[in-house]
Amino acid sequence: TAILRTDTVRVPKPIKVLDAPGGSSALVMEHVDMRALDS
């Protein structure tokens, strides 16, 4: 969220932290179809 607010370099937009079974959690964020850094 902090990086996103700077409008400088792209990050996947975070949506929500969800509680998962067994006391774990998951971060839901924007899907980005990425490939290795090159060009």
Full PDB file with SEQRES, HELIX, SHEET, SSBOND, CRYST1, ORIGX, SCALE, CONECT and MASTER records, all heavy atoms in Angstrom:
SEQRES   1 A   39  THR ALA ILE LEU ARG THR ASP THR VAL ARG VAL PRO LYS          
SEQRES   2 A   39  PRO ILE LYS VAL LEU ASP ALA PRO GLY GLY SER SER ALA          
SEQRES   3 A   39  LEU VAL MET GLU HIS VAL ASP MET ARG ALA LEU ASP SER          
HELIX    1 AA1 ALA A    2  THR A    6  1                                   5    
HELIX    2 AA2 PRO A   21  GLY A   23  5                                   3    
SHEET    1 AA1 2 PRO A  14  ASP A  19  0                                        
SHEET    2 AA1 2 SER A  25  MET A  29 -1                                        
CRYST1    1.000    1.000    1.000  90.00  90.00  90.00 P 1           1          
ORIGX1      1.000000  0.000000  0.000000        0.00000                         
ORIGX2      0.000000  1.000000  0.000000        0.00000                         
ORIGX3      0.000000  0.000000  1.000000        0.00000                         
SCALE1      1.000000  0.000000  0.000000        0.00000                         
SCALE2      0.000000  1.000000  0.000000        0.00000                         
SCALE3      0.000000  0.000000  1.000000        0.00000                         
ATOM      1  N   THR A   1       0.831  -1.211   0.000  1.00  0.00           N  
ATOM      2  CA  THR A   1       0.000   0.000   0.000  1.00  0.00           C  
ATOM      3  C   THR A   1       0.860   1.254   0.000  1.00  0.00           C  
ATOM      4  O   THR A   1       0.581   2.223  -0.728  1.00  0.00           O  
ATOM      5  CB  THR A   1      -0.935  -0.004   1.221  1.00  0.00           C  
ATOM      6  OG1 THR A   1      -1.776  -1.166   1.172  1.00  0.00           O  
ATOM      7  CG2 THR A   1      -1.800   1.243   1.254  1.00  0.00           C  
ATOM      8  N   ALA A   2       1.935   1.246   0.806  1.00  0.00           N  
ATOM      9  CA  ALA A   2       2.817   2.413   0.881  1.00  0.00           C  
ATOM     10  C   ALA A   2       3.500   2.672  -0.453  1.00  0.00           C  
ATOM     11  O   ALA A   2       3.581   3.818  -0.914  1.00  0.00           O  
ATOM     12  CB  ALA A   2       3.859   2.208   1.986  1.00  0.00           C  
ATOM     13  N   ILE A   3       3.993   1.619  -1.096  1.00  0.00           N  
ATOM     14  CA  ILE A   3       4.647   1.792  -2.401  1.00  0.00           C  
ATOM     15  C   ILE A   3       3.639   2.245  -3.442  1.00  0.00           C  
ATOM     16  O   ILE A   3       3.914   3.126  -4.260  1.00  0.00           O  
ATOM     17  CB  ILE A   3       5.343   0.491  -2.829  1.00  0.00           C  
ATOM     18  CG1 ILE A   3       6.470   0.130  -1.856  1.00  0.00           C  
ATOM     19  CG2 ILE A   3       5.904   0.621  -4.252  1.00  0.00           C  
ATOM     20  CD1 ILE A   3       7.084  -1.244  -2.080  1.00  0.00           C  
ATOM     21  N   LEU A   4       2.455   1.648  -3.417  1.00  0.00           N  
ATOM     22  CA  LEU A   4       1.410   2.001  -4.377  1.00  0.00           C  
ATOM     23  C   LEU A   4       1.075   3.485  -4.304  1.00  0.00           C  
ATOM     24  O   LEU A   4       0.892   4.147  -5.339  1.00  0.00           O  
ATOM     25  CB  LEU A   4       0.166   1.156  -4.100  1.00  0.00           C  
ATOM     26  CG  LEU A   4      -0.997   1.240  -5.080  1.00  0.00           C  
ATOM     27  CD1 LEU A   4      -0.604   0.652  -6.432  1.00  0.00           C  
ATOM     28  CD2 LEU A   4      -2.212   0.501  -4.524  1.00  0.00           C  
ATOM     29  N   ARG A   5       1.035   4.038  -3.118  1.00  0.00           N  
ATOM     30  CA  ARG A   5       0.657   5.444  -2.935  1.00  0.00           C  
ATOM     31  C   ARG A   5       1.687   6.409  -3.524  1.00  0.00           C  
ATOM     32  O   ARG A   5       1.359   7.560  -3.816  1.00  0.00           O  
ATOM     33  CB  ARG A   5       0.458   5.759  -1.454  1.00  0.00           C  
ATOM     34  CG  ARG A   5      -0.757   5.108  -0.821  1.00  0.00           C  
ATOM     35  CD  ARG A   5      -0.974   5.640   0.587  1.00  0.00           C  
ATOM     36  NE  ARG A   5      -1.405   7.041   0.558  1.00  0.00           N  
ATOM     37  CZ  ARG A   5      -1.290   7.865   1.593  1.00  0.00           C  
ATOM     38  NH1 ARG A   5      -0.713   7.461   2.720  1.00  0.00           N  
ATOM     39  NH2 ARG A   5      -1.709   9.125   1.496  1.00  0.00           N  
ATOM     40  N   THR A   6       2.925   5.953  -3.707  1.00  0.00           N  
ATOM     41  CA  THR A   6       3.944   6.851  -4.262  1.00  0.00           C  
ATOM     42  C   THR A   6       3.792   7.045  -5.769  1.00  0.00           C  
ATOM     43  O   THR A   6       4.349   7.986  -6.321  1.00  0.00           O  
ATOM     44  CB  THR A   6       5.364   6.321  -3.990  1.00  0.00           C  
ATOM     45  OG1 THR A   6       5.591   5.120  -4.749  1.00  0.00           O  
ATOM     46  CG2 THR A   6       5.581   6.053  -2.501  1.00  0.00           C  
ATOM     47  N   ASP A   7       3.095   6.128  -6.429  1.00  0.00           N  
ATOM     48  CA  ASP A   7       2.897   6.203  -7.883  1.00  0.00           C  
ATOM     49  C   ASP A   7       4.232   6.284  -8.621  1.00  0.00           C  
ATOM     50  O   ASP A   7       4.396   7.060  -9.561  1.00  0.00           O  
ATOM     51  CB  ASP A   7       2.023   7.415  -8.230  1.00  0.00           C  
ATOM     52  CG  ASP A   7       1.477   7.364  -9.656  1.00  0.00           C  
ATOM     53  OD1 ASP A   7       1.306   6.249 -10.179  1.00  0.00           O  
ATOM     54  OD2 ASP A   7       1.250   8.442 -10.242  1.00  0.00           O  
ATOM     55  N   THR A   8       5.180   5.450  -8.189  1.00  0.00           N  
ATOM     56  CA  THR A   8       6.507   5.466  -8.807  1.00  0.00           C  
ATOM     57  C   THR A   8       6.816   4.165  -9.540  1.00  0.00           C  
ATOM     58  O   THR A   8       7.242   4.192 -10.694  1.00  0.00           O  
ATOM     59  CB  THR A   8       7.591   5.710  -7.743  1.00  0.00           C  
ATOM     60  OG1 THR A   8       7.452   4.743  -6.678  1.00  0.00           O  
ATOM     61  CG2 THR A   8       7.498   7.116  -7.168  1.00  0.00           C  
ATOM     62  N   VAL A   9       6.634   3.044  -8.879  1.00  0.00           N  
ATOM     63  CA  VAL A   9       6.932   1.745  -9.467  1.00  0.00           C  
ATOM     64  C   VAL A   9       5.742   0.834  -9.183  1.00  0.00           C  
ATOM     65  O   VAL A   9       5.133   0.895  -8.107  1.00  0.00           O  
ATOM     66  CB  VAL A   9       8.247   1.163  -8.909  1.00  0.00           C  
ATOM     67  CG1 VAL A   9       8.210   1.005  -7.403  1.00  0.00           C  
ATOM     68  CG2 VAL A   9       8.589  -0.171  -9.585  1.00  0.00           C  
ATOM     69  N   ARG A  10       5.402   0.005 -10.145  1.00  0.00           N  
ATOM     70  CA  ARG A  10       4.195  -0.806 -10.015  1.00  0.00           C  
ATOM     71  C   ARG A  10       4.379  -1.946  -9.022  1.00  0.00           C  
ATOM     72  O   ARG A  10       5.420  -2.622  -9.007  1.00  0.00           O  
ATOM     73  CB  ARG A  10       3.804  -1.380 -11.377  1.00  0.00           C  
ATOM     74  CG  ARG A  10       2.465  -2.129 -11.338  1.00  0.00           C  
ATOM     75  CD  ARG A  10       2.061  -2.653 -12.682  1.00  0.00           C  
ATOM     76  NE  ARG A  10       0.799  -3.371 -12.585  1.00  0.00           N  
ATOM     77  CZ  ARG A  10       0.277  -4.088 -13.582  1.00  0.00           C  
ATOM     78  NH1 ARG A  10       0.904  -4.152 -14.753  1.00  0.00           N  
ATOM     79  NH2 ARG A  10      -0.871  -4.733 -13.422  1.00  0.00           N  
ATOM     80  N   VAL A  11       3.358  -2.140  -8.208  1.00  0.00           N  
ATOM     81  CA  VAL A  11       3.240  -3.321  -7.350  1.00  0.00           C  
ATOM     82  C   VAL A  11       1.842  -3.890  -7.543  1.00  0.00           C  
ATOM     83  O   VAL A  11       0.916  -3.156  -7.929  1.00  0.00           O  
ATOM     84  CB  VAL A  11       3.458  -2.982  -5.856  1.00  0.00           C  
ATOM     85  CG1 VAL A  11       4.885  -2.535  -5.587  1.00  0.00           C  
ATOM     86  CG2 VAL A  11       2.465  -1.922  -5.370  1.00  0.00           C  
ATOM     87  N   PRO A  12       1.629  -5.169  -7.283  1.00  0.00           N  
ATOM     88  CA  PRO A  12       0.265  -5.701  -7.312  1.00  0.00           C  
ATOM     89  C   PRO A  12      -0.573  -4.999  -6.236  1.00  0.00           C  
ATOM     90  O   PRO A  12      -0.128  -4.826  -5.104  1.00  0.00           O  
ATOM     91  CB  PRO A  12       0.444  -7.191  -6.985  1.00  0.00           C  
ATOM     92  CG  PRO A  12       1.886  -7.478  -7.286  1.00  0.00           C  
ATOM     93  CD  PRO A  12       2.623  -6.213  -6.984  1.00  0.00           C  
ATOM     94  N   LYS A  13      -1.762  -4.586  -6.590  1.00  0.00           N  
ATOM     95  CA  LYS A  13      -2.626  -3.895  -5.633  1.00  0.00           C  
ATOM     96  C   LYS A  13      -3.122  -4.876  -4.577  1.00  0.00           C  
ATOM     97  O   LYS A  13      -3.749  -5.884  -4.898  1.00  0.00           O  
ATOM     98  CB  LYS A  13      -3.814  -3.268  -6.361  1.00  0.00           C  
ATOM     99  CG  LYS A  13      -4.723  -2.465  -5.452  1.00  0.00           C  
ATOM    100  CD  LYS A  13      -5.868  -1.834  -6.230  1.00  0.00           C  
ATOM    101  CE  LYS A  13      -6.785  -1.031  -5.316  1.00  0.00           C  
ATOM    102  NZ  LYS A  13      -7.908  -0.411  -6.077  1.00  0.00           N  
ATOM    103  N   PRO A  14      -2.835  -4.597  -3.299  1.00  0.00           N  
ATOM    104  CA  PRO A  14      -3.319  -5.501  -2.247  1.00  0.00           C  
ATOM    105  C   PRO A  14      -4.806  -5.289  -2.006  1.00  0.00           C  
ATOM    106  O   PRO A  14      -5.309  -4.164  -2.105  1.00  0.00           O  
ATOM    107  CB  PRO A  14      -2.490  -5.086  -1.035  1.00  0.00           C  
ATOM    108  CG  PRO A  14      -2.203  -3.632  -1.253  1.00  0.00           C  
ATOM    109  CD  PRO A  14      -2.063  -3.466  -2.747  1.00  0.00           C  
ATOM    110  N   ILE A  15      -5.501  -6.370  -1.679  1.00  0.00           N  
ATOM    111  CA  ILE A  15      -6.956  -6.291  -1.492  1.00  0.00           C  
ATOM    112  C   ILE A  15      -7.344  -6.565  -0.042  1.00  0.00           C  
ATOM    113  O   ILE A  15      -7.993  -5.749   0.598  1.00  0.00           O  
ATOM    114  CB  ILE A  15      -7.674  -7.263  -2.444  1.00  0.00           C  
ATOM    115  CG1 ILE A  15      -7.366  -6.877  -3.905  1.00  0.00           C  
ATOM    116  CG2 ILE A  15      -9.185  -7.271  -2.193  1.00  0.00           C  
ATOM    117  CD1 ILE A  15      -7.856  -7.884  -4.933  1.00  0.00           C  
ATOM    118  N   LYS A  16      -6.919  -7.691   0.496  1.00  0.00           N  
ATOM    119  CA  LYS A  16      -7.341  -8.030   1.850  1.00  0.00           C  
ATOM    120  C   LYS A  16      -6.512  -9.182   2.395  1.00  0.00           C  
ATOM    121  O   LYS A  16      -6.081 -10.052   1.645  1.00  0.00           O  
ATOM    122  CB  LYS A  16      -8.828  -8.421   1.852  1.00  0.00           C  
ATOM    123  CG  LYS A  16      -9.434  -8.571   3.237  1.00  0.00           C  
ATOM    124  CD  LYS A  16     -10.939  -8.818   3.148  1.00  0.00           C  
ATOM    125  CE  LYS A  16     -11.551  -8.887   4.539  1.00  0.00           C  
ATOM    126  NZ  LYS A  16     -13.025  -9.105   4.486  1.00  0.00           N  
ATOM    127  N   VAL A  17      -6.281  -9.171   3.707  1.00  0.00           N  
ATOM    128  CA  VAL A  17      -5.691 -10.310   4.398  1.00  0.00           C  
ATOM    129  C   VAL A  17      -6.828 -11.158   4.948  1.00  0.00           C  
ATOM    130  O   VAL A  17      -7.705 -10.654   5.665  1.00  0.00           O  
ATOM    131  CB  VAL A  17      -4.752  -9.860   5.544  1.00  0.00           C  
ATOM    132  CG1 VAL A  17      -4.224 -11.080   6.300  1.00  0.00           C  
ATOM    133  CG2 VAL A  17      -3.593  -9.031   4.990  1.00  0.00           C  
ATOM    134  N   LEU A  18      -6.827 -12.434   4.607  1.00  0.00           N  
ATOM    135  CA  LEU A  18      -7.882 -13.345   5.032  1.00  0.00           C  
ATOM    136  C   LEU A  18      -7.344 -14.352   6.036  1.00  0.00           C  
ATOM    137  O   LEU A  18      -6.214 -14.836   5.898  1.00  0.00           O  
ATOM    138  CB  LEU A  18      -8.440 -14.106   3.827  1.00  0.00           C  
ATOM    139  CG  LEU A  18      -9.088 -13.283   2.709  1.00  0.00           C  
ATOM    140  CD1 LEU A  18      -9.505 -14.216   1.565  1.00  0.00           C  
ATOM    141  CD2 LEU A  18     -10.293 -12.524   3.231  1.00  0.00           C  
ATOM    142  N   ASP A  19      -8.143 -14.668   7.023  1.00  0.00           N  
ATOM    143  CA  ASP A  19      -7.819 -15.766   7.924  1.00  0.00           C  
ATOM    144  C   ASP A  19      -8.100 -17.077   7.210  1.00  0.00           C  
ATOM    145  O   ASP A  19      -9.108 -17.218   6.509  1.00  0.00           O  
ATOM    146  CB  ASP A  19      -8.660 -15.681   9.197  1.00  0.00           C  
ATOM    147  CG  ASP A  19      -8.304 -14.464  10.040  1.00  0.00           C  
ATOM    148  OD1 ASP A  19      -7.129 -14.051  10.005  1.00  0.00           O  
ATOM    149  OD2 ASP A  19      -9.203 -13.928  10.720  1.00  0.00           O  
ATOM    150  N   ALA A  20      -7.196 -18.030   7.383  1.00  0.00           N  
ATOM    151  CA  ALA A  20      -7.338 -19.335   6.735  1.00  0.00           C  
ATOM    152  C   ALA A  20      -7.420 -20.422   7.798  1.00  0.00           C  
ATOM    153  O   ALA A  20      -7.056 -20.199   8.965  1.00  0.00           O  
ATOM    154  CB  ALA A  20      -6.158 -19.586   5.792  1.00  0.00           C  
ATOM    155  N   PRO A  21      -7.885 -21.594   7.418  1.00  0.00           N  
ATOM    156  CA  PRO A  21      -7.999 -22.688   8.400  1.00  0.00           C  
ATOM    157  C   PRO A  21      -6.664 -23.013   9.056  1.00  0.00           C  
ATOM    158  O   PRO A  21      -5.602 -22.865   8.444  1.00  0.00           O  
ATOM    159  CB  PRO A  21      -8.506 -23.866   7.548  1.00  0.00           C  
ATOM    160  CG  PRO A  21      -9.190 -23.231   6.381  1.00  0.00           C  
ATOM    161  CD  PRO A  21      -8.421 -21.978   6.103  1.00  0.00           C  
ATOM    162  N   GLY A  22      -6.741 -23.449  10.289  1.00  0.00           N  
ATOM    163  CA  GLY A  22      -5.542 -23.853  11.008  1.00  0.00           C  
ATOM    164  C   GLY A  22      -4.733 -22.704  11.566  1.00  0.00           C  
ATOM    165  O   GLY A  22      -3.567 -22.869  11.929  1.00  0.00           O  
ATOM    166  N   GLY A  23      -5.323 -21.527  11.618  1.00  0.00           N  
ATOM    167  CA  GLY A  23      -4.619 -20.382  12.172  1.00  0.00           C  
ATOM    168  C   GLY A  23      -3.703 -19.669  11.201  1.00  0.00           C  
ATOM    169  O   GLY A  23      -2.986 -18.741  11.583  1.00  0.00           O  
ATOM    170  N   SER A  24      -3.692 -20.067   9.940  1.00  0.00           N  
ATOM    171  CA  SER A  24      -2.861 -19.413   8.941  1.00  0.00           C  
ATOM    172  C   SER A  24      -3.639 -18.258   8.313  1.00  0.00           C  
ATOM    173  O   SER A  24      -4.771 -17.954   8.697  1.00  0.00           O  
ATOM    174  CB  SER A  24      -2.422 -20.410   7.871  1.00  0.00           C  
ATOM    175  OG  SER A  24      -3.545 -20.972   7.224  1.00  0.00           O  
ATOM    176  N   SER A  25      -3.019 -17.598   7.358  1.00  0.00           N  
ATOM    177  CA  SER A  25      -3.674 -16.474   6.691  1.00  0.00           C  
ATOM    178  C   SER A  25      -3.229 -16.418   5.243  1.00  0.00           C  
ATOM    179  O   SER A  25      -2.287 -17.106   4.837  1.00  0.00           O  
ATOM    180  CB  SER A  25      -3.351 -15.153   7.403  1.00  0.00           C  
ATOM    181  OG  SER A  25      -1.959 -14.916   7.414  1.00  0.00           O  
ATOM    182  N   ALA A  26      -3.890 -15.582   4.473  1.00  0.00           N  
ATOM    183  CA  ALA A  26      -3.573 -15.426   3.052  1.00  0.00           C  
ATOM    184  C   ALA A  26      -3.763 -13.963   2.671  1.00  0.00           C  
ATOM    185  O   ALA A  26      -4.628 -13.268   3.213  1.00  0.00           O  
ATOM    186  CB  ALA A  26      -4.465 -16.318   2.202  1.00  0.00           C  
ATOM    187  N   LEU A  27      -2.927 -13.493   1.749  1.00  0.00           N  
ATOM    188  CA  LEU A  27      -3.036 -12.137   1.235  1.00  0.00           C  
ATOM    189  C   LEU A  27      -3.627 -12.190  -0.174  1.00  0.00           C  
ATOM    190  O   LEU A  27      -3.054 -12.826  -1.068  1.00  0.00           O  
ATOM    191  CB  LEU A  27      -1.660 -11.459   1.206  1.00  0.00           C  
ATOM    192  CG  LEU A  27      -1.585 -10.076   0.547  1.00  0.00           C  
ATOM    193  CD1 LEU A  27      -2.504  -9.081   1.246  1.00  0.00           C  
ATOM    194  CD2 LEU A  27      -0.141  -9.571   0.545  1.00  0.00           C  
ATOM    195  N   VAL A  28      -4.765 -11.547  -0.353  1.00  0.00           N  
ATOM    196  CA  VAL A  28      -5.405 -11.461  -1.660  1.00  0.00           C  
ATOM    197  C   VAL A  28      -4.936 -10.172  -2.324  1.00  0.00           C  
ATOM    198  O   VAL A  28      -4.977  -9.094  -1.713  1.00  0.00           O  
ATOM    199  CB  VAL A  28      -6.934 -11.461  -1.529  1.00  0.00           C  
ATOM    200  CG1 VAL A  28      -7.593 -11.392  -2.915  1.00  0.00           C  
ATOM    201  CG2 VAL A  28      -7.407 -12.692  -0.768  1.00  0.00           C  
ATOM    202  N   MET A  29      -4.465 -10.280  -3.553  1.00  0.00           N  
ATOM    203  CA  MET A  29      -3.994  -9.094  -4.267  1.00  0.00           C  
ATOM    204  C   MET A  29      -4.334  -9.219  -5.749  1.00  0.00           C  
ATOM    205  O   MET A  29      -4.753 -10.281  -6.229  1.00  0.00           O  
ATOM    206  CB  MET A  29      -2.491  -8.902  -4.065  1.00  0.00           C  
ATOM    207  CG  MET A  29      -1.609  -9.943  -4.711  1.00  0.00           C  
ATOM    208  SD  MET A  29       0.151  -9.705  -4.336  1.00  0.00           S  
ATOM    209  CE  MET A  29       0.248 -10.483  -2.722  1.00  0.00           C  
ATOM    210  N   GLU A  30      -4.133  -8.131  -6.444  1.00  0.00           N  
ATOM    211  CA  GLU A  30      -4.353  -8.082  -7.885  1.00  0.00           C  
ATOM    212  C   GLU A  30      -3.530  -9.150  -8.604  1.00  0.00           C  
ATOM    213  O   GLU A  30      -2.354  -9.367  -8.280  1.00  0.00           O  
ATOM    214  CB  GLU A  30      -3.940  -6.690  -8.381  1.00  0.00           C  
ATOM    215  CG  GLU A  30      -3.876  -6.518  -9.875  1.00  0.00           C  
ATOM    216  CD  GLU A  30      -3.175  -5.238 -10.287  1.00  0.00           C  
ATOM    217  OE1 GLU A  30      -2.523  -4.603  -9.427  1.00  0.00           O  
ATOM    218  OE2 GLU A  30      -3.275  -4.875 -11.471  1.00  0.00           O  
ATOM    219  N   HIS A  31      -4.133  -9.797  -9.584  1.00  0.00           N  
ATOM    220  CA  HIS A  31      -3.391 -10.733 -10.429  1.00  0.00           C  
ATOM    221  C   HIS A  31      -2.638  -9.954 -11.505  1.00  0.00           C  
ATOM    222  O   HIS A  31      -3.214  -9.095 -12.197  1.00  0.00           O  
ATOM    223  CB  HIS A  31      -4.325 -11.729 -11.105  1.00  0.00           C  
ATOM    224  CG  HIS A  31      -3.649 -12.548 -12.154  1.00  0.00           C  
ATOM    225  ND1 HIS A  31      -2.776 -13.572 -11.851  1.00  0.00           N  
ATOM    226  CD2 HIS A  31      -3.683 -12.476 -13.518  1.00  0.00           C  
ATOM    227  CE1 HIS A  31      -2.313 -14.101 -12.975  1.00  0.00           C  
ATOM    228  NE2 HIS A  31      -2.846 -13.449 -14.000  1.00  0.00           N  
ATOM    229  N   VAL A  32      -1.349 -10.227 -11.648  1.00  0.00           N  
ATOM    230  CA  VAL A  32      -0.529  -9.610 -12.681  1.00  0.00           C  
ATOM    231  C   VAL A  32       0.133 -10.736 -13.470  1.00  0.00           C  
ATOM    232  O   VAL A  32       0.783 -11.611 -12.886  1.00  0.00           O  
ATOM    233  CB  VAL A  32       0.552  -8.678 -12.081  1.00  0.00           C  
ATOM    234  CG1 VAL A  32       1.385  -8.045 -13.202  1.00  0.00           C  
ATOM    235  CG2 VAL A  32      -0.087  -7.599 -11.218  1.00  0.00           C  
ATOM    236  N   ASP A  33      -0.029 -10.718 -14.763  1.00  0.00           N  
ATOM    237  CA  ASP A  33       0.562 -11.742 -15.629  1.00  0.00           C  
ATOM    238  C   ASP A  33       2.025 -11.371 -15.888  1.00  0.00           C  
ATOM    239  O   ASP A  33       2.339 -10.649 -16.831  1.00  0.00           O  
ATOM    240  CB  ASP A  33      -0.225 -11.826 -16.939  1.00  0.00           C  
ATOM    241  CG  ASP A  33       0.228 -12.991 -17.813  1.00  0.00           C  
ATOM    242  OD1 ASP A  33       0.961 -13.868 -17.307  1.00  0.00           O  
ATOM    243  OD2 ASP A  33      -0.136 -13.018 -19.004  1.00  0.00           O  
ATOM    244  N   MET A  34       2.917 -11.870 -15.042  1.00  0.00           N  
ATOM    245  CA  MET A  34       4.311 -11.427 -15.042  1.00  0.00           C  
ATOM    246  C   MET A  34       5.232 -12.431 -15.704  1.00  0.00           C  
ATOM    247  O   MET A  34       4.933 -13.621 -15.795  1.00  0.00           O  
ATOM    248  CB  MET A  34       4.789 -11.197 -13.597  1.00  0.00           C  
ATOM    249  CG  MET A  34       3.997 -10.161 -12.841  1.00  0.00           C  
ATOM    250  SD  MET A  34       4.631  -9.874 -11.163  1.00  0.00           S  
ATOM    251  CE  MET A  34       4.315 -11.466 -10.387  1.00  0.00           C  
ATOM    252  N   ARG A  35       6.370 -11.914 -16.137  1.00  0.00           N  
ATOM    253  CA  ARG A  35       7.463 -12.741 -16.642  1.00  0.00           C  
ATOM    254  C   ARG A  35       8.764 -12.192 -16.053  1.00  0.00           C  
ATOM    255  O   ARG A  35       8.771 -11.136 -15.427  1.00  0.00           O  
ATOM    256  CB  ARG A  35       7.505 -12.696 -18.172  1.00  0.00           C  
ATOM    257  CG  ARG A  35       7.628 -11.286 -18.758  1.00  0.00           C  
ATOM    258  CD  ARG A  35       7.664 -11.305 -20.280  1.00  0.00           C  
ATOM    259  NE  ARG A  35       7.790  -9.954 -20.830  1.00  0.00           N  
ATOM    260  CZ  ARG A  35       6.764  -9.217 -21.213  1.00  0.00           C  
ATOM    261  NH1 ARG A  35       5.523  -9.682 -21.088  1.00  0.00           N  
ATOM    262  NH2 ARG A  35       6.959  -8.001 -21.710  1.00  0.00           N  
ATOM    263  N   ALA A  36       9.857 -12.895 -16.272  1.00  0.00           N  
ATOM    264  CA  ALA A  36      11.145 -12.467 -15.712  1.00  0.00           C  
ATOM    265  C   ALA A  36      11.540 -11.091 -16.238  1.00  0.00           C  
ATOM    266  O   ALA A  36      11.291 -10.763 -17.407  1.00  0.00           O  
ATOM    267  CB  ALA A  36      12.227 -13.490 -16.051  1.00  0.00           C  
ATOM    268  N   LEU A  37      12.182 -10.301 -15.372  1.00  0.00           N  
ATOM    269  CA  LEU A  37      12.645  -8.973 -15.774  1.00  0.00           C  
ATOM    270  C   LEU A  37      13.647  -9.093 -16.912  1.00  0.00           C  
ATOM    271  O   LEU A  37      14.605  -9.850 -16.838  1.00  0.00           O  
ATOM    272  CB  LEU A  37      13.297  -8.274 -14.581  1.00  0.00           C  
ATOM    273  CG  LEU A  37      13.778  -6.843 -14.828  1.00  0.00           C  
ATOM    274  CD1 LEU A  37      12.595  -5.905 -15.043  1.00  0.00           C  
ATOM    275  CD2 LEU A  37      14.633  -6.374 -13.652  1.00  0.00           C  
ATOM    276  N   ASP A  38      13.443  -8.308 -17.962  1.00  0.00           N  
ATOM    277  CA  ASP A  38      14.328  -8.372 -19.119  1.00  0.00           C  
ATOM    278  C   ASP A  38      14.421  -7.005 -19.786  1.00  0.00           C  
ATOM    279  O   ASP A  38      15.302  -6.211 -19.496  1.00  0.00           O  
ATOM    280  CB  ASP A  38      13.814  -9.444 -20.093  1.00  0.00           C  
ATOM    281  CG  ASP A  38      14.722  -9.621 -21.306  1.00  0.00           C  
ATOM    282  OD1 ASP A  38      15.900  -9.210 -21.237  1.00  0.00           O  
ATOM    283  OD2 ASP A  38      14.259 -10.178 -22.328  1.00  0.00           O  
ATOM    284  N   SER A  39      13.467  -6.702 -20.650  1.00  0.00           N  
ATOM    285  CA  SER A  39      13.544  -5.484 -21.453  1.00  0.00           C  
ATOM    286  C   SER A  39      13.267  -4.218 -20.652  1.00  0.00           C  
ATOM    287  O   SER A  39      13.567  -3.114 -21.110  1.00  0.00           O  
ATOM    288  CB  SER A  39      12.559  -5.570 -22.628  1.00  0.00           C  
ATOM    289  OG  SER A  39      11.236  -5.735 -22.178  1.00  0.00           O  
TER     290      SER A  39                                                      
MASTER        0    0    0    2    2    0    0    6  289    1    0    3          
END                                                                             
